[in-house]
Protein backbone atom coordinates (compact mmCIF):
# COMPACT_ATOMS: atom_id res chain seq x y z
CA UNK A 1 5.05 9.88 55.17
CA UNK A 2 7.88 12.08 53.98
CA UNK A 3 7.92 12.64 50.14
CA UNK A 4 11.67 12.04 50.04
CA UNK A 5 11.36 8.71 51.79
CA UNK A 6 9.18 7.16 49.07
CA UNK A 7 12.19 7.27 46.70
CA UNK A 8 14.17 5.29 49.28
CA UNK A 9 11.62 2.44 49.17
CA UNK A 10 13.14 -0.74 47.67
CA UNK A 11 10.21 -1.25 45.28
CA UNK A 12 10.72 2.20 43.77
CA UNK A 13 14.48 1.66 43.56
CA UNK A 14 13.98 -1.70 41.83
CA UNK A 15 11.54 -0.02 39.47
CA UNK A 16 14.11 2.63 38.54
CA UNK A 17 16.79 -0.06 38.10
CA UNK A 18 14.44 -2.13 35.92
CA UNK A 19 13.59 0.90 33.81
CA UNK A 20 17.30 1.66 33.38
CA UNK A 21 17.94 -1.91 32.21
CA UNK A 22 15.04 -1.72 29.74
CA UNK A 23 16.29 1.62 28.41
CA UNK A 24 19.81 0.22 28.04
CA UNK A 25 18.45 -2.80 26.15
CA UNK A 26 16.49 -0.53 23.80
CA UNK A 27 19.57 1.62 23.17
CA UNK A 28 21.71 -1.45 22.41
CA UNK A 29 18.99 -2.77 20.05
CA UNK A 30 18.77 0.59 18.27
CA UNK A 31 22.55 0.81 17.86
CA UNK A 32 22.71 -2.73 16.43
CA UNK A 33 19.97 -1.91 13.94
CA UNK A 34 21.74 1.32 13.04
CA UNK A 35 25.00 -0.55 12.42
CA UNK A 36 23.22 -3.08 10.15
CA UNK A 37 21.62 -0.22 8.25
CA UNK A 38 24.98 1.53 7.87
CA UNK A 39 26.54 -1.68 6.53
CA UNK A 40 23.79 -2.02 3.94
CA UNK A 41 24.07 1.66 3.04
CA UNK A 42 27.84 1.36 2.56
CA UNK A 43 27.27 -1.61 0.25
CA UNK A 44 24.78 0.36 -1.81
CA UNK A 45 27.15 3.34 -1.99
CA UNK A 46 29.95 1.04 -3.19
CA UNK A 47 27.72 -0.45 -5.90
CA UNK A 48 26.55 3.00 -7.01
CA UNK A 49 30.12 4.28 -7.15
CA UNK A 50 31.23 1.43 -9.39
CA UNK A 51 28.18 1.93 -11.62
CA UNK A 52 28.96 5.64 -11.96
CA UNK A 53 32.59 4.86 -12.84
CA UNK A 54 31.46 2.42 -15.55
CA UNK A 55 29.01 4.98 -16.87
CA UNK A 56 31.73 7.61 -16.93
CA UNK A 57 34.02 5.31 -18.92
CA UNK A 58 31.34 4.50 -21.47
CA UNK A 59 30.34 8.17 -21.73
CA UNK A 60 33.90 9.26 -22.42
CA UNK A 61 34.21 6.54 -25.07
CA UNK A 62 30.94 7.67 -26.68
CA UNK A 63 32.10 11.28 -26.61
CA UNK A 64 35.35 10.28 -28.35
CA UNK A 65 33.41 8.42 -31.06
CA UNK A 66 31.02 11.34 -31.57
CA UNK A 67 33.92 13.77 -31.98
CA UNK A 68 35.59 11.40 -34.41
CA UNK A 69 32.37 11.15 -36.44
CA UNK A 70 31.98 14.94 -36.39
CA UNK A 71 35.51 15.38 -37.70
CA UNK A 72 34.83 12.92 -40.54
CA UNK A 73 31.61 14.73 -41.42
CA UNK A 74 33.42 18.07 -41.46
CA UNK A 75 36.06 16.64 -43.79
CA UNK A 76 33.34 15.28 -46.09
CA UNK A 77 31.51 18.60 -46.04
CA UNK A 78 34.71 20.47 -46.86
CA UNK A 79 35.35 18.13 -49.81
CA UNK A 80 31.82 18.61 -51.13
CA UNK A 81 32.11 22.37 -50.89
CA UNK A 82 35.47 22.41 -52.65
CA UNK A 83 34.07 20.17 -55.44
CA UNK A 84 31.09 22.44 -55.99
């Protein structure tokens, strides 16, 4: 039997076709899972972004209050030194 003729056998051809279908199904399954994972990841990124923005707002407010308190303390210290 010729080695090239075994590839021409219908059983071998059906085997290759079946393997191609299985591989295609696995690829489609992997892509669907990847898309679900990307959707979840985008949701997490959105939540994290909004949390960071809120934290930034509160941090800037705290920084403003700290500077205001520092200025008041400096004024009080200057008054105490001028009284002494």
